């Protein structure tokens, strides 16, 4: 219990430091941009969508449904192109939707740990990691839309939800083959992806 408390404290401290770095880039607040916000949110949703498909396949020991994966891609393309038309993207986001898509897909691959790997333990962790990325990206997108700093309390809730789901999966008694790493390590990978899809100036909202 003591070790877990120390680990969680470390996560909160580093996340807070990254949050400060994000705010300092534009003099304390993010510049309001519907374009930035739309792209950040779209990337986060795509990561969550594809990891959900992959996670479901992992739990069943089957191959991810290619039709469902394509739907995730189609939704992203539509959302990203719509966001770009706002015309107010700042240096915080990349307006090249193909590059943004590749960025999101790289995160999906990392967080899935092997989409075709069977394991009831793996599926929930893959899904939880994707949900965390989408959750935090959503909080950051809201700040980008209005101009300001991401809500620290809401970011913390995203982390808490992931941790609860991951610990439950690890304690299920099933062997994790795609995710043999600790929950803290998976969480770190998810947070790195948050930084990438939101293109936060700090580089990432780290673990």
C-alpha atoms as a PDB file:
ATOM      1  CA  UNK A   1       0.000   0.000   0.000  1.00  0.00           C
ATOM      2  CA  UNK A   2       2.817   2.402   0.896  1.00  0.00           C
ATOM      3  CA  UNK A   3       4.601   1.709  -2.398  1.00  0.00           C
ATOM      4  CA  UNK A   4       1.381   2.296  -4.340  1.00  0.00           C
ATOM      5  CA  UNK A   5       0.819   5.629  -2.570  1.00  0.00           C
ATOM      6  CA  UNK A   6       4.353   6.719  -3.407  1.00  0.00           C
ATOM      7  CA  UNK A   7       3.895   5.671  -7.037  1.00  0.00           C
ATOM      8  CA  UNK A   8       0.642   7.606  -7.370  1.00  0.00           C
ATOM      9  CA  UNK A   9       2.207  10.678  -5.748  1.00  0.00           C
ATOM     10  CA  UNK A  10       5.036  10.545  -8.248  1.00  0.00           C
ATOM     11  CA  UNK A  11       2.563  10.354 -11.127  1.00  0.00           C
ATOM     12  CA  UNK A  12       0.656  13.374  -9.838  1.00  0.00           C
ATOM     13  CA  UNK A  13       3.819  15.429  -9.358  1.00  0.00           C
ATOM     14  CA  UNK A  14       5.140  14.739 -12.859  1.00  0.00           C
ATOM     15  CA  UNK A  15       1.725  15.358 -14.409  1.00  0.00           C
ATOM     16  CA  UNK A  16       1.483  18.646 -12.573  1.00  0.00           C
ATOM     17  CA  UNK A  17       4.895  19.650 -13.871  1.00  0.00           C
ATOM     18  CA  UNK A  18       3.864  18.848 -17.427  1.00  0.00           C
ATOM     19  CA  UNK A  19       0.670  20.813 -16.940  1.00  0.00           C
ATOM     20  CA  UNK A  20       2.664  23.851 -15.856  1.00  0.00           C
ATOM     21  CA  UNK A  21       4.924  23.488 -18.894  1.00  0.00           C
ATOM     22  CA  UNK A  22       1.848  23.391 -21.144  1.00  0.00           C
ATOM     23  CA  UNK A  23       0.527  26.603 -19.622  1.00  0.00           C
ATOM     24  CA  UNK A  24       3.797  28.508 -19.727  1.00  0.00           C
ATOM     25  CA  UNK A  25       4.175  28.190 -23.497  1.00  0.00           C
ATOM     26  CA  UNK A  26       1.512  30.792 -24.165  1.00  0.00           C
ATOM     27  CA  UNK A  27       2.083  32.949 -21.125  1.00  0.00           C
ATOM     28  CA  UNK A  28      -0.066  30.902 -18.750  1.00  0.00           C
ATOM     29  CA  UNK A  29      -2.913  29.817 -21.033  1.00  0.00           C
ATOM     30  CA  UNK A  30      -3.391  28.003 -24.320  1.00  0.00           C
ATOM     31  CA  UNK A  31      -4.488  30.180 -27.210  1.00  0.00           C
ATOM     32  CA  UNK A  32      -8.149  29.584 -28.066  1.00  0.00           C
ATOM     33  CA  UNK A  33      -8.421  27.513 -31.232  1.00  0.00           C
ATOM     34  CA  UNK A  34     -11.358  25.422 -32.423  1.00  0.00           C
ATOM     35  CA  UNK A  35      -9.049  23.835 -34.981  1.00  0.00           C
ATOM     36  CA  UNK A  36      -6.540  22.672 -32.368  1.00  0.00           C
ATOM     37  CA  UNK A  37      -9.357  21.478 -30.149  1.00  0.00           C
ATOM     38  CA  UNK A  38     -11.089  19.538 -32.897  1.00  0.00           C
ATOM     39  CA  UNK A  39      -7.948  17.727 -34.005  1.00  0.00           C
ATOM     40  CA  UNK A  40      -6.897  16.863 -30.448  1.00  0.00           C
ATOM     41  CA  UNK A  41     -10.325  15.474 -29.657  1.00  0.00           C
ATOM     42  CA  UNK A  42     -10.498  13.551 -32.944  1.00  0.00           C
ATOM     43  CA  UNK A  43      -7.113  11.912 -32.399  1.00  0.00           C
ATOM     44  CA  UNK A  44      -8.015  10.921 -28.863  1.00  0.00           C
ATOM     45  CA  UNK A  45     -11.302   9.405 -29.999  1.00  0.00           C
ATOM     46  CA  UNK A  46      -9.590   7.457 -32.758  1.00  0.00           C
ATOM     47  CA  UNK A  47      -7.131   5.952 -30.294  1.00  0.00           C
ATOM     48  CA  UNK A  48     -10.002   4.956 -28.004  1.00  0.00           C
ATOM     49  CA  UNK A  49     -12.045   3.583 -30.889  1.00  0.00           C
ATOM     50  CA  UNK A  50      -9.314   1.372 -32.319  1.00  0.00           C
ATOM     51  CA  UNK A  51      -8.028   0.152 -28.956  1.00  0.00           C
ATOM     52  CA  UNK A  52     -11.603  -0.791 -28.084  1.00  0.00           C
ATOM     53  CA  UNK A  53     -11.812  -2.944 -31.210  1.00  0.00           C
ATOM     54  CA  UNK A  54      -8.390  -4.449 -30.529  1.00  0.00           C
ATOM     55  CA  UNK A  55      -9.154  -4.989 -26.860  1.00  0.00           C
ATOM     56  CA  UNK A  56     -12.388  -6.767 -27.662  1.00  0.00           C
ATOM     57  CA  UNK A  57     -10.521  -9.095 -30.011  1.00  0.00           C
ATOM     58  CA  UNK A  58      -7.843  -9.766 -27.409  1.00  0.00           C
ATOM     59  CA  UNK A  59     -10.429 -10.763 -24.817  1.00  0.00           C
ATOM     60  CA  UNK A  60     -11.989 -13.246 -27.248  1.00  0.00           C
ATOM     61  CA  UNK A  61      -8.761 -14.457 -28.815  1.00  0.00           C
ATOM     62  CA  UNK A  62      -9.883 -13.363 -32.272  1.00  0.00           C
ATOM     63  CA  UNK A  63      -8.641 -11.021 -35.005  1.00  0.00           C
ATOM     64  CA  UNK A  64      -9.744  -7.364 -34.766  1.00  0.00           C
ATOM     65  CA  UNK A  65     -12.753  -6.556 -36.944  1.00  0.00           C
ATOM     66  CA  UNK A  66     -11.353  -4.687 -39.962  1.00  0.00           C
ATOM     67  CA  UNK A  67     -14.729  -3.120 -40.729  1.00  0.00           C
ATOM     68  CA  UNK A  68     -14.950  -1.607 -37.271  1.00  0.00           C
ATOM     69  CA  UNK A  69     -11.359  -0.382 -37.467  1.00  0.00           C
ATOM     70  CA  UNK A  70     -12.150   1.313 -40.782  1.00  0.00           C
ATOM     71  CA  UNK A  71     -15.126   3.059 -39.203  1.00  0.00           C
ATOM     72  CA  UNK A  72     -12.759   4.484 -36.567  1.00  0.00           C
ATOM     73  CA  UNK A  73     -10.578   5.821 -39.365  1.00  0.00           C
ATOM     74  CA  UNK A  74     -13.498   7.274 -41.299  1.00  0.00           C
ATOM     75  CA  UNK A  75     -14.797   9.116 -38.225  1.00  0.00           C
ATOM     76  CA  UNK A  76     -11.365  10.586 -37.572  1.00  0.00           C
ATOM     77  CA  UNK A  77     -10.931  11.753 -41.169  1.00  0.00           C
ATOM     78  CA  UNK A  78     -14.309  13.491 -41.121  1.00  0.00           C
ATOM     79  CA  UNK A  79     -13.669  15.161 -37.766  1.00  0.00           C
ATOM     80  CA  UNK A  80     -10.118  16.238 -38.566  1.00  0.00           C
ATOM     81  CA  UNK A  81     -11.037  17.742 -41.938  1.00  0.00           C
ATOM     82  CA  UNK A  82     -13.901  19.615 -40.299  1.00  0.00           C
ATOM     83  CA  UNK A  83     -11.584  20.965 -37.601  1.00  0.00           C
ATOM     84  CA  UNK A  84      -9.076  22.233 -40.149  1.00  0.00           C
ATOM     85  CA  UNK A  85     -11.765  24.284 -41.892  1.00  0.00           C
ATOM     86  CA  UNK A  86     -12.020  26.440 -38.752  1.00  0.00           C
ATOM     87  CA  UNK A  87      -8.800  28.005 -39.993  1.00  0.00           C
ATOM     88  CA  UNK A  88      -7.493  28.994 -36.588  1.00  0.00           C
ATOM     89  CA  UNK A  89      -5.004  26.227 -35.852  1.00  0.00           C
ATOM     90  CA  UNK A  90      -1.913  27.393 -33.988  1.00  0.00           C
ATOM     91  CA  UNK A  91       1.538  25.841 -33.837  1.00  0.00           C
ATOM     92  CA  UNK A  92       0.152  23.532 -31.143  1.00  0.00           C
ATOM     93  CA  UNK A  93      -1.464  21.258 -33.720  1.00  0.00           C
ATOM     94  CA  UNK A  94      -0.514  19.792 -37.077  1.00  0.00           C
ATOM     95  CA  UNK A  95      -3.112  20.585 -39.745  1.00  0.00           C
ATOM     96  CA  UNK A  96      -1.969  17.659 -41.887  1.00  0.00           C
ATOM     97  CA  UNK A  97      -4.673  15.104 -41.095  1.00  0.00           C
ATOM     98  CA  UNK A  98      -2.677  12.255 -42.645  1.00  0.00           C
ATOM     99  CA  UNK A  99       0.211  12.956 -40.290  1.00  0.00           C
ATOM    100  CA  UNK A 100      -2.162  13.272 -37.336  1.00  0.00           C
ATOM    101  CA  UNK A 101      -3.757   9.965 -38.256  1.00  0.00           C
ATOM    102  CA  UNK A 102      -0.390   8.228 -38.418  1.00  0.00           C
ATOM    103  CA  UNK A 103       0.403   9.676 -35.000  1.00  0.00           C
ATOM    104  CA  UNK A 104      -2.809   8.266 -33.533  1.00  0.00           C
ATOM    105  CA  UNK A 105      -2.290   4.878 -35.170  1.00  0.00           C
ATOM    106  CA  UNK A 106       1.225   4.632 -33.731  1.00  0.00           C
ATOM    107  CA  UNK A 107      -0.300   5.115 -30.291  1.00  0.00           C
ATOM    108  CA  UNK A 108      -2.907   2.439 -30.993  1.00  0.00           C
ATOM    109  CA  UNK A 109      -0.167  -0.039 -31.863  1.00  0.00           C
ATOM    110  CA  UNK A 110       1.807   0.803 -28.755  1.00  0.00           C
ATOM    111  CA  UNK A 111      -1.160   0.608 -26.399  1.00  0.00           C
ATOM    112  CA  UNK A 112      -2.550  -2.594 -27.919  1.00  0.00           C
ATOM    113  CA  UNK A 113       0.642  -4.503 -27.284  1.00  0.00           C
ATOM    114  CA  UNK A 114      -0.238  -6.983 -30.031  1.00  0.00           C
ATOM    115  CA  UNK A 115      -3.825  -6.744 -31.247  1.00  0.00           C
ATOM    116  CA  UNK A 116      -4.207 -10.420 -32.131  1.00  0.00           C
ATOM    117  CA  UNK A 117      -2.882 -11.716 -28.810  1.00  0.00           C
ATOM    118  CA  UNK A 118      -5.416 -13.742 -26.838  1.00  0.00           C
ATOM    119  CA  UNK A 119      -5.934 -12.889 -23.190  1.00  0.00           C
ATOM    120  CA  UNK A 120      -8.892 -11.833 -21.062  1.00  0.00           C
ATOM    121  CA  UNK A 121      -6.471  -9.790 -18.979  1.00  0.00           C
ATOM    122  CA  UNK A 122      -5.081  -7.962 -22.020  1.00  0.00           C
ATOM    123  CA  UNK A 123      -8.358  -6.778 -23.529  1.00  0.00           C
ATOM    124  CA  UNK A 124      -9.495  -4.595 -20.616  1.00  0.00           C
ATOM    125  CA  UNK A 125      -6.041  -3.022 -20.280  1.00  0.00           C
ATOM    126  CA  UNK A 126      -5.863  -2.154 -23.977  1.00  0.00           C
ATOM    127  CA  UNK A 127      -9.329  -0.603 -23.789  1.00  0.00           C
ATOM    128  CA  UNK A 128      -8.525   1.277 -20.579  1.00  0.00           C
ATOM    129  CA  UNK A 129      -5.330   2.720 -22.029  1.00  0.00           C
ATOM    130  CA  UNK A 130      -7.174   3.990 -25.097  1.00  0.00           C
ATOM    131  CA  UNK A 131      -9.954   5.445 -22.975  1.00  0.00           C
ATOM    132  CA  UNK A 132      -7.400   7.297 -20.878  1.00  0.00           C
ATOM    133  CA  UNK A 133      -5.875   8.888 -23.963  1.00  0.00           C
ATOM    134  CA  UNK A 134      -9.303   9.958 -25.185  1.00  0.00           C
ATOM    135  CA  UNK A 135     -10.297  11.187 -21.741  1.00  0.00           C
ATOM    136  CA  UNK A 136      -7.233  13.377 -21.269  1.00  0.00           C
ATOM    137  CA  UNK A 137      -7.252  14.542 -24.882  1.00  0.00           C
ATOM    138  CA  UNK A 138     -10.851  15.627 -24.352  1.00  0.00           C
ATOM    139  CA  UNK A 139      -9.909  17.699 -21.312  1.00  0.00           C
ATOM    140  CA  UNK A 140      -7.022  19.310 -23.182  1.00  0.00           C
ATOM    141  CA  UNK A 141      -9.217  19.911 -26.249  1.00  0.00           C
ATOM    142  CA  UNK A 142     -11.682  21.826 -24.106  1.00  0.00           C
ATOM    143  CA  UNK A 143      -8.881  24.068 -22.872  1.00  0.00           C
ATOM    144  CA  UNK A 144      -7.659  24.581 -26.437  1.00  0.00           C
ATOM    145  CA  UNK A 145     -11.153  25.510 -27.556  1.00  0.00           C
ATOM    146  CA  UNK A 146     -11.728  28.147 -24.880  1.00  0.00           C
ATOM    147  CA  UNK A 147      -8.145  29.225 -24.287  1.00  0.00           C
ATOM    148  CA  UNK A 148      -6.697  28.332 -20.911  1.00  0.00           C
ATOM    149  CA  UNK A 149      -5.148  25.473 -19.004  1.00  0.00           C
ATOM    150  CA  UNK A 150      -6.525  21.910 -18.858  1.00  0.00           C
ATOM    151  CA  UNK A 151      -8.572  21.111 -15.740  1.00  0.00           C
ATOM    152  CA  UNK A 152      -6.126  19.303 -13.437  1.00  0.00           C
ATOM    153  CA  UNK A 153      -8.903  17.606 -11.452  1.00  0.00           C
ATOM    154  CA  UNK A 154     -10.458  16.151 -14.592  1.00  0.00           C
ATOM    155  CA  UNK A 155      -7.073  14.951 -15.830  1.00  0.00           C
ATOM    156  CA  UNK A 156      -6.584  13.208 -12.494  1.00  0.00           C
ATOM    157  CA  UNK A 157      -9.955  11.472 -12.861  1.00  0.00           C
ATOM    158  CA  UNK A 158      -8.862  10.103 -16.222  1.00  0.00           C
ATOM    159  CA  UNK A 159      -5.803   8.603 -14.542  1.00  0.00           C
ATOM    160  CA  UNK A 160      -7.817   7.192 -11.655  1.00  0.00           C
ATOM    161  CA  UNK A 161     -10.249   5.470 -14.013  1.00  0.00           C
ATOM    162  CA  UNK A 162      -7.405   3.846 -15.938  1.00  0.00           C
ATOM    163  CA  UNK A 163      -5.657   2.678 -12.790  1.00  0.00           C
ATOM    164  CA  UNK A 164      -8.828   1.103 -11.427  1.00  0.00           C
ATOM    165  CA  UNK A 165      -9.505  -0.785 -14.663  1.00  0.00           C
ATOM    166  CA  UNK A 166      -5.900  -1.920 -15.067  1.00  0.00           C
ATOM    167  CA  UNK A 167      -5.546  -3.142 -11.489  1.00  0.00           C
ATOM    168  CA  UNK A 168      -8.817  -5.061 -11.839  1.00  0.00           C
ATOM    169  CA  UNK A 169      -7.571  -6.758 -15.015  1.00  0.00           C
ATOM    170  CA  UNK A 170      -4.219  -7.619 -13.450  1.00  0.00           C
ATOM    171  CA  UNK A 171      -5.993  -9.103 -10.434  1.00  0.00           C
ATOM    172  CA  UNK A 172      -8.351 -11.268 -12.500  1.00  0.00           C
ATOM    173  CA  UNK A 173      -6.050 -14.279 -12.339  1.00  0.00           C
ATOM    174  CA  UNK A 174      -5.622 -14.443 -16.117  1.00  0.00           C
ATOM    175  CA  UNK A 175      -2.156 -14.193 -17.650  1.00  0.00           C
ATOM    176  CA  UNK A 176      -1.446 -10.920 -19.448  1.00  0.00           C
ATOM    177  CA  UNK A 177       0.552 -11.746 -22.569  1.00  0.00           C
ATOM    178  CA  UNK A 178       0.152  -8.525 -24.561  1.00  0.00           C
ATOM    179  CA  UNK A 179       0.521  -6.438 -21.410  1.00  0.00           C
ATOM    180  CA  UNK A 180       3.042  -8.199 -19.152  1.00  0.00           C
ATOM    181  CA  UNK A 181       4.284  -4.771 -18.017  1.00  0.00           C
ATOM    182  CA  UNK A 182       3.060  -3.039 -14.870  1.00  0.00           C
ATOM    183  CA  UNK A 183       0.034  -0.753 -14.872  1.00  0.00           C
ATOM    184  CA  UNK A 184       2.378   2.166 -14.194  1.00  0.00           C
ATOM    185  CA  UNK A 185       4.337   1.389 -17.352  1.00  0.00           C
ATOM    186  CA  UNK A 186       1.186   1.111 -19.469  1.00  0.00           C
ATOM    187  CA  UNK A 187      -0.041   4.352 -17.958  1.00  0.00           C
ATOM    188  CA  UNK A 188       3.219   6.035 -18.888  1.00  0.00           C
ATOM    189  CA  UNK A 189       2.800   4.913 -22.493  1.00  0.00           C
ATOM    190  CA  UNK A 190      -0.769   6.238 -22.528  1.00  0.00           C
ATOM    191  CA  UNK A 191       0.320   9.599 -21.154  1.00  0.00           C
ATOM    192  CA  UNK A 192       3.080   9.848 -23.736  1.00  0.00           C
ATOM    193  CA  UNK A 193       0.409   9.324 -26.379  1.00  0.00           C
ATOM    194  CA  UNK A 194      -1.716  12.048 -24.801  1.00  0.00           C
ATOM    195  CA  UNK A 195       1.146  14.466 -25.291  1.00  0.00           C
ATOM    196  CA  UNK A 196       1.576  13.351 -28.892  1.00  0.00           C
ATOM    197  CA  UNK A 197      -2.067  13.534 -29.979  1.00  0.00           C
ATOM    198  CA  UNK A 198      -2.661  16.849 -28.241  1.00  0.00           C
ATOM    199  CA  UNK A 199       0.705  18.200 -29.464  1.00  0.00           C
ATOM    200  CA  UNK A 200       1.139  19.877 -26.096  1.00  0.00           C
ATOM    201  CA  UNK A 201       4.183  22.193 -26.107  1.00  0.00           C
ATOM    202  CA  UNK A 202       5.653  20.334 -23.144  1.00  0.00           C
ATOM    203  CA  UNK A 203       5.953  17.223 -25.276  1.00  0.00           C
ATOM    204  CA  UNK A 204       3.646  15.139 -23.100  1.00  0.00           C
ATOM    205  CA  UNK A 205       1.477  14.960 -20.036  1.00  0.00           C
ATOM    206  CA  UNK A 206       3.813  12.375 -18.638  1.00  0.00           C
ATOM    207  CA  UNK A 207       3.163   9.481 -16.314  1.00  0.00           C
END
